[in-house]
Amino acid sequence: MAKRRPPIDFRRSSEEVAADLIGITLVVDGVGGRIVETEAYDAEDAASHSYRGPTPRNASMFGPPGHAYVYRSYGIHWCLNFVCREAGHGAGVLIRALEPTHGIEAMCKRRRLDARRLLCAGPGRVGQALGIDLRLDGKALDAPPFELLDTRVPHGPIEILVGPRIGISQAVEAPWRFGEKGSVFLSRPFKPA
């Protein structure tokens, strides 16, 4: 398995990584798209799976940066996170939405949906469209089946929206949700500041 140099440094805070991921293309086994929405989580954050320390479920979140942390949400949806900072800390970035660009036919089949805008608009949809499941938990992001491509420059400057995270009940005020301004592929609109 050939390792690929990731387009960003995962050994930084989850907030920095979450903002830098906007515009990066994520491909899993040839299927994926440009990241247009993320959320940051940290071990010192009450909304994070790592807040109470390591468990068998969240062990990958305490692993080395630049690896996947995959978990099941509400017993239904597989969600994909990228581990940040240093091993043992427990920080990550949830991939909330993509603009589909690779393997759209496969995504439509997996999601049983033809509406391109809705294929990857939300973390559960991202997981289903990309075929994410527990087999990818702990896998390095710089080796197959993952591929991260820096596609920020061809699209010109990206204006990044910042706001509170959504779908959580604790630490809701933290401005750790990031999105590409003007993208129609966001999971939900950002509230005006």
C-alpha atoms as a PDB file:
ATOM      1  CA  MET A   1       0.000   0.000   0.000  1.00  0.00           C
ATOM      2  CA  ALA A   2       1.501   3.290  -1.097  1.00  0.00           C
ATOM      3  CA  LYS A   3       1.417   6.141   1.383  1.00  0.00           C
ATOM      4  CA  ARG A   4       0.490   9.565   0.084  1.00  0.00           C
ATOM      5  CA  ARG A   5       1.522  12.805   1.693  1.00  0.00           C
ATOM      6  CA  PRO A   6      -1.643  14.430   3.114  1.00  0.00           C
ATOM      7  CA  PRO A   7      -2.345  17.971   1.886  1.00  0.00           C
ATOM      8  CA  ILE A   8      -2.625  19.300   5.447  1.00  0.00           C
ATOM      9  CA  ASP A   9      -0.908  18.747   8.791  1.00  0.00           C
ATOM     10  CA  PHE A  10      -3.144  16.808  11.194  1.00  0.00           C
ATOM     11  CA  ARG A  11      -0.804  17.463  14.156  1.00  0.00           C
ATOM     12  CA  ARG A  12      -2.625  20.689  15.005  1.00  0.00           C
ATOM     13  CA  SER A  13      -5.769  21.658  16.904  1.00  0.00           C
ATOM     14  CA  SER A  14      -9.028  20.257  15.603  1.00  0.00           C
ATOM     15  CA  GLU A  15     -10.310  23.796  14.923  1.00  0.00           C
ATOM     16  CA  GLU A  16      -7.326  24.575  12.662  1.00  0.00           C
ATOM     17  CA  VAL A  17      -7.628  21.266  10.827  1.00  0.00           C
ATOM     18  CA  ALA A  18     -11.417  21.594  10.464  1.00  0.00           C
ATOM     19  CA  ALA A  19     -11.048  24.992   8.766  1.00  0.00           C
ATOM     20  CA  ASP A  20      -8.170  23.819   6.534  1.00  0.00           C
ATOM     21  CA  LEU A  21     -10.117  20.783   5.315  1.00  0.00           C
ATOM     22  CA  ILE A  22     -12.685  22.981   3.561  1.00  0.00           C
ATOM     23  CA  GLY A  23     -11.982  22.580  -0.163  1.00  0.00           C
ATOM     24  CA  ILE A  24      -9.867  19.409   0.192  1.00  0.00           C
ATOM     25  CA  THR A  25     -11.163  16.443  -1.816  1.00  0.00           C
ATOM     26  CA  LEU A  26     -11.770  13.212   0.105  1.00  0.00           C
ATOM     27  CA  VAL A  27     -11.974   9.985  -1.892  1.00  0.00           C
ATOM     28  CA  VAL A  28     -12.588   6.518  -0.436  1.00  0.00           C
ATOM     29  CA  ASP A  29     -12.118   3.659  -2.912  1.00  0.00           C
ATOM     30  CA  GLY A  30     -12.661   6.075  -5.808  1.00  0.00           C
ATOM     31  CA  VAL A  31     -15.820   7.662  -4.376  1.00  0.00           C
ATOM     32  CA  GLY A  32     -16.011  11.097  -2.758  1.00  0.00           C
ATOM     33  CA  GLY A  33     -15.901  14.828  -3.204  1.00  0.00           C
ATOM     34  CA  ARG A  34     -14.765  18.248  -1.978  1.00  0.00           C
ATOM     35  CA  ILE A  35     -15.194  18.759   1.751  1.00  0.00           C
ATOM     36  CA  VAL A  36     -17.569  21.692   2.250  1.00  0.00           C
ATOM     37  CA  GLU A  37     -18.497  21.317   5.947  1.00  0.00           C
ATOM     38  CA  THR A  38     -16.711  20.082   9.070  1.00  0.00           C
ATOM     39  CA  GLU A  39     -16.963  20.226  12.865  1.00  0.00           C
ATOM     40  CA  ALA A  40     -14.111  20.218  15.385  1.00  0.00           C
ATOM     41  CA  TYR A  41     -14.076  18.183  18.620  1.00  0.00           C
ATOM     42  CA  ASP A  42     -11.510  18.023  21.424  1.00  0.00           C
ATOM     43  CA  ALA A  43     -10.959  15.962  24.603  1.00  0.00           C
ATOM     44  CA  GLU A  44     -11.647  19.065  26.718  1.00  0.00           C
ATOM     45  CA  ASP A  45     -14.985  19.560  24.943  1.00  0.00           C
ATOM     46  CA  ALA A  46     -18.097  18.123  26.644  1.00  0.00           C
ATOM     47  CA  ALA A  47     -19.663  17.330  23.236  1.00  0.00           C
ATOM     48  CA  SER A  48     -16.721  15.146  22.178  1.00  0.00           C
ATOM     49  CA  HIS A  49     -16.689  11.342  22.313  1.00  0.00           C
ATOM     50  CA  SER A  50     -13.239  11.651  23.914  1.00  0.00           C
ATOM     51  CA  TYR A  51     -14.366  13.889  26.802  1.00  0.00           C
ATOM     52  CA  ARG A  52     -14.589  11.055  29.364  1.00  0.00           C
ATOM     53  CA  GLY A  53     -11.424   9.314  28.199  1.00  0.00           C
ATOM     54  CA  PRO A  54     -10.628   6.294  26.054  1.00  0.00           C
ATOM     55  CA  THR A  55     -13.129   3.463  25.587  1.00  0.00           C
ATOM     56  CA  PRO A  56     -13.209   0.568  23.104  1.00  0.00           C
ATOM     57  CA  ARG A  57     -15.622   2.634  20.950  1.00  0.00           C
ATOM     58  CA  ASN A  58     -13.491   5.805  20.763  1.00  0.00           C
ATOM     59  CA  ALA A  59      -9.982   4.266  20.952  1.00  0.00           C
ATOM     60  CA  SER A  60      -9.070   5.453  17.438  1.00  0.00           C
ATOM     61  CA  MET A  61      -9.741   9.055  18.443  1.00  0.00           C
ATOM     62  CA  PHE A  62      -6.809   8.725  20.872  1.00  0.00           C
ATOM     63  CA  GLY A  63      -4.589   7.243  18.183  1.00  0.00           C
ATOM     64  CA  PRO A  64      -2.101   8.993  15.922  1.00  0.00           C
ATOM     65  CA  PRO A  65      -3.151  12.076  13.950  1.00  0.00           C
ATOM     66  CA  GLY A  66      -4.034  11.559  10.300  1.00  0.00           C
ATOM     67  CA  HIS A  67      -6.112   8.448  10.939  1.00  0.00           C
ATOM     68  CA  ALA A  68      -9.844   7.752  10.704  1.00  0.00           C
ATOM     69  CA  TYR A  69     -12.168   7.549  13.669  1.00  0.00           C
ATOM     70  CA  VAL A  70     -15.426   5.871  12.606  1.00  0.00           C
ATOM     71  CA  TYR A  71     -18.451   5.506  14.849  1.00  0.00           C
ATOM     72  CA  ARG A  72     -22.112   4.667  14.506  1.00  0.00           C
ATOM     73  CA  SER A  73     -24.562   7.468  15.278  1.00  0.00           C
ATOM     74  CA  TYR A  74     -27.955   6.577  16.756  1.00  0.00           C
ATOM     75  CA  GLY A  75     -27.226   2.947  15.868  1.00  0.00           C
ATOM     76  CA  ILE A  76     -27.927   3.760  12.207  1.00  0.00           C
ATOM     77  CA  HIS A  77     -25.372   6.016  10.483  1.00  0.00           C
ATOM     78  CA  TRP A  78     -21.620   5.506  10.149  1.00  0.00           C
ATOM     79  CA  CYS A  79     -19.781   8.809  10.634  1.00  0.00           C
ATOM     80  CA  LEU A  80     -16.213   9.667   9.596  1.00  0.00           C
ATOM     81  CA  ASN A  81     -13.791  11.770  11.635  1.00  0.00           C
ATOM     82  CA  PHE A  82     -10.131  12.651  11.116  1.00  0.00           C
ATOM     83  CA  VAL A  83      -7.910  12.366  14.229  1.00  0.00           C
ATOM     84  CA  CYS A  84      -5.867  15.497  15.081  1.00  0.00           C
ATOM     85  CA  ARG A  85      -3.209  16.820  17.479  1.00  0.00           C
ATOM     86  CA  GLU A  86      -1.028  14.121  19.036  1.00  0.00           C
ATOM     87  CA  ALA A  87      -1.643  10.489  19.917  1.00  0.00           C
ATOM     88  CA  GLY A  88      -3.340  10.171  23.281  1.00  0.00           C
ATOM     89  CA  HIS A  89      -5.072  13.558  23.187  1.00  0.00           C
ATOM     90  CA  GLY A  90      -8.477  12.694  21.716  1.00  0.00           C
ATOM     91  CA  ALA A  91      -9.229  15.380  19.106  1.00  0.00           C
ATOM     92  CA  GLY A  92     -10.919  14.998  15.751  1.00  0.00           C
ATOM     93  CA  VAL A  93     -12.836  16.571  12.898  1.00  0.00           C
ATOM     94  CA  LEU A  94     -16.236  15.276  11.815  1.00  0.00           C
ATOM     95  CA  ILE A  95     -16.787  15.348   8.050  1.00  0.00           C
ATOM     96  CA  ARG A  96     -20.289  16.871   7.812  1.00  0.00           C
ATOM     97  CA  ALA A  97     -20.765  17.428   4.064  1.00  0.00           C
ATOM     98  CA  LEU A  98     -19.137  16.960   0.661  1.00  0.00           C
ATOM     99  CA  GLU A  99     -19.743  18.298  -2.823  1.00  0.00           C
ATOM    100  CA  PRO A 100     -19.878  15.005  -4.772  1.00  0.00           C
ATOM    101  CA  THR A 101     -17.227  14.833  -7.523  1.00  0.00           C
ATOM    102  CA  HIS A 102     -15.990  11.208  -7.759  1.00  0.00           C
ATOM    103  CA  GLY A 103     -18.049   8.046  -8.164  1.00  0.00           C
ATOM    104  CA  ILE A 104     -21.403   9.828  -8.214  1.00  0.00           C
ATOM    105  CA  GLU A 105     -23.139   6.799  -9.737  1.00  0.00           C
ATOM    106  CA  ALA A 106     -21.932   4.608  -6.845  1.00  0.00           C
ATOM    107  CA  MET A 107     -23.124   7.226  -4.345  1.00  0.00           C
ATOM    108  CA  CYS A 108     -26.564   7.372  -5.953  1.00  0.00           C
ATOM    109  CA  LYS A 109     -26.831   3.597  -5.789  1.00  0.00           C
ATOM    110  CA  ARG A 110     -25.740   3.422  -2.134  1.00  0.00           C
ATOM    111  CA  ARG A 111     -28.073   6.252  -1.129  1.00  0.00           C
ATOM    112  CA  ARG A 112     -30.906   5.200  -3.484  1.00  0.00           C
ATOM    113  CA  LEU A 113     -31.099   8.833  -4.481  1.00  0.00           C
ATOM    114  CA  ASP A 114     -30.474  10.889  -7.615  1.00  0.00           C
ATOM    115  CA  ALA A 115     -30.464  14.379  -6.074  1.00  0.00           C
ATOM    116  CA  ARG A 116     -26.741  15.260  -6.185  1.00  0.00           C
ATOM    117  CA  ARG A 117     -27.197  18.060  -3.632  1.00  0.00           C
ATOM    118  CA  LEU A 118     -28.427  15.623  -0.988  1.00  0.00           C
ATOM    119  CA  LEU A 119     -25.980  12.748  -1.573  1.00  0.00           C
ATOM    120  CA  CYS A 120     -23.464  13.932   1.060  1.00  0.00           C
ATOM    121  CA  ALA A 121     -25.328  16.698   2.936  1.00  0.00           C
ATOM    122  CA  GLY A 122     -24.840  15.491   6.518  1.00  0.00           C
ATOM    123  CA  PRO A 123     -22.430  13.143   8.290  1.00  0.00           C
ATOM    124  CA  GLY A 124     -24.684  10.077   8.032  1.00  0.00           C
ATOM    125  CA  ARG A 125     -25.208  10.700   4.326  1.00  0.00           C
ATOM    126  CA  VAL A 126     -21.451  11.107   3.815  1.00  0.00           C
ATOM    127  CA  GLY A 127     -20.900   7.757   5.522  1.00  0.00           C
ATOM    128  CA  GLN A 128     -23.493   5.955   3.439  1.00  0.00           C
ATOM    129  CA  ALA A 129     -22.465   7.549   0.125  1.00  0.00           C
ATOM    130  CA  LEU A 130     -18.766   6.745   0.661  1.00  0.00           C
ATOM    131  CA  GLY A 131     -19.366   3.231   2.011  1.00  0.00           C
ATOM    132  CA  ILE A 132     -17.905   4.083   5.429  1.00  0.00           C
ATOM    133  CA  ASP A 133     -18.117   1.404   8.100  1.00  0.00           C
ATOM    134  CA  LEU A 134     -16.167   0.082  11.067  1.00  0.00           C
ATOM    135  CA  ARG A 135     -13.542  -1.634   8.881  1.00  0.00           C
ATOM    136  CA  LEU A 136     -12.088   1.861   8.218  1.00  0.00           C
ATOM    137  CA  ASP A 137     -11.786   2.806  11.898  1.00  0.00           C
ATOM    138  CA  GLY A 138      -8.159   3.532  12.754  1.00  0.00           C
ATOM    139  CA  LYS A 139      -6.950   3.411   9.129  1.00  0.00           C
ATOM    140  CA  ALA A 140      -4.335   5.918   7.958  1.00  0.00           C
ATOM    141  CA  LEU A 141      -5.670   8.728   5.766  1.00  0.00           C
ATOM    142  CA  ASP A 142      -2.509   8.729   3.626  1.00  0.00           C
ATOM    143  CA  ALA A 143      -2.992   5.170   2.324  1.00  0.00           C
ATOM    144  CA  PRO A 144      -5.694   3.269   0.420  1.00  0.00           C
ATOM    145  CA  PRO A 145      -8.630   3.217   0.508  1.00  0.00           C
ATOM    146  CA  PHE A 146      -8.337   6.908   1.485  1.00  0.00           C
ATOM    147  CA  GLU A 147      -7.058   9.674  -0.737  1.00  0.00           C
ATOM    148  CA  LEU A 148      -6.925  13.367   0.172  1.00  0.00           C
ATOM    149  CA  LEU A 149      -6.316  15.808  -2.682  1.00  0.00           C
ATOM    150  CA  ASP A 150      -5.638  19.515  -2.379  1.00  0.00           C
ATOM    151  CA  THR A 151      -8.280  20.968  -4.687  1.00  0.00           C
ATOM    152  CA  ARG A 152      -8.525  24.362  -2.968  1.00  0.00           C
ATOM    153  CA  VAL A 153      -6.456  26.406  -5.462  1.00  0.00           C
ATOM    154  CA  PRO A 154      -8.327  25.543  -8.711  1.00  0.00           C
ATOM    155  CA  HIS A 155     -11.570  26.770  -7.126  1.00  0.00           C
ATOM    156  CA  GLY A 156     -10.035  30.115  -6.152  1.00  0.00           C
ATOM    157  CA  PRO A 157     -10.124  31.618  -2.678  1.00  0.00           C
ATOM    158  CA  ILE A 158     -12.544  29.890  -0.349  1.00  0.00           C
ATOM    159  CA  GLU A 159     -14.527  31.999   2.076  1.00  0.00           C
ATOM    160  CA  ILE A 160     -15.128  29.941   5.192  1.00  0.00           C
ATOM    161  CA  LEU A 161     -18.190  30.311   7.367  1.00  0.00           C
ATOM    162  CA  VAL A 162     -17.816  29.693  11.117  1.00  0.00           C
ATOM    163  CA  GLY A 163     -20.626  28.949  13.534  1.00  0.00           C
ATOM    164  CA  PRO A 164     -21.837  26.758  16.377  1.00  0.00           C
ATOM    165  CA  ARG A 165     -21.958  23.005  15.864  1.00  0.00           C
ATOM    166  CA  ILE A 166     -25.323  21.371  15.223  1.00  0.00           C
ATOM    167  CA  GLY A 167     -26.977  18.147  16.323  1.00  0.00           C
ATOM    168  CA  ILE A 168     -25.389  18.175  19.797  1.00  0.00           C
ATOM    169  CA  SER A 169     -26.767  18.970  23.250  1.00  0.00           C
ATOM    170  CA  GLN A 170     -23.583  19.999  25.109  1.00  0.00           C
ATOM    171  CA  ALA A 171     -21.062  22.767  24.397  1.00  0.00           C
ATOM    172  CA  VAL A 172     -23.422  24.074  21.721  1.00  0.00           C
ATOM    173  CA  GLU A 173     -21.989  27.589  21.876  1.00  0.00           C
ATOM    174  CA  ALA A 174     -18.495  26.632  20.628  1.00  0.00           C
ATOM    175  CA  PRO A 175     -17.963  28.127  17.131  1.00  0.00           C
ATOM    176  CA  TRP A 176     -16.413  24.920  15.788  1.00  0.00           C
ATOM    177  CA  ARG A 177     -18.510  24.306  12.687  1.00  0.00           C
ATOM    178  CA  PHE A 178     -16.878  25.339   9.408  1.00  0.00           C
ATOM    179  CA  GLY A 179     -18.357  25.537   5.919  1.00  0.00           C
ATOM    180  CA  GLU A 180     -17.730  26.853   2.450  1.00  0.00           C
ATOM    181  CA  LYS A 181     -19.676  30.060   1.879  1.00  0.00           C
ATOM    182  CA  GLY A 182     -22.067  29.767  -1.042  1.00  0.00           C
ATOM    183  CA  SER A 183     -21.973  25.968  -1.217  1.00  0.00           C
ATOM    184  CA  VAL A 184     -25.341  24.374  -1.957  1.00  0.00           C
ATOM    185  CA  PHE A 185     -24.013  21.086  -0.535  1.00  0.00           C
ATOM    186  CA  LEU A 186     -23.978  22.088   3.167  1.00  0.00           C
ATOM    187  CA  SER A 187     -26.011  19.909   5.521  1.00  0.00           C
ATOM    188  CA  ARG A 188     -27.816  22.980   6.865  1.00  0.00           C
ATOM    189  CA  PRO A 189     -27.423  26.725   6.347  1.00  0.00           C
ATOM    190  CA  PHE A 190     -25.241  28.682   8.743  1.00  0.00           C
ATOM    191  CA  LYS A 191     -27.119  31.125  10.967  1.00  0.00           C
ATOM    192  CA  PRO A 192     -26.177  34.758  10.406  1.00  0.00           C
ATOM    193  CA  ALA A 193     -23.752  36.130  13.005  1.00  0.00           C
END
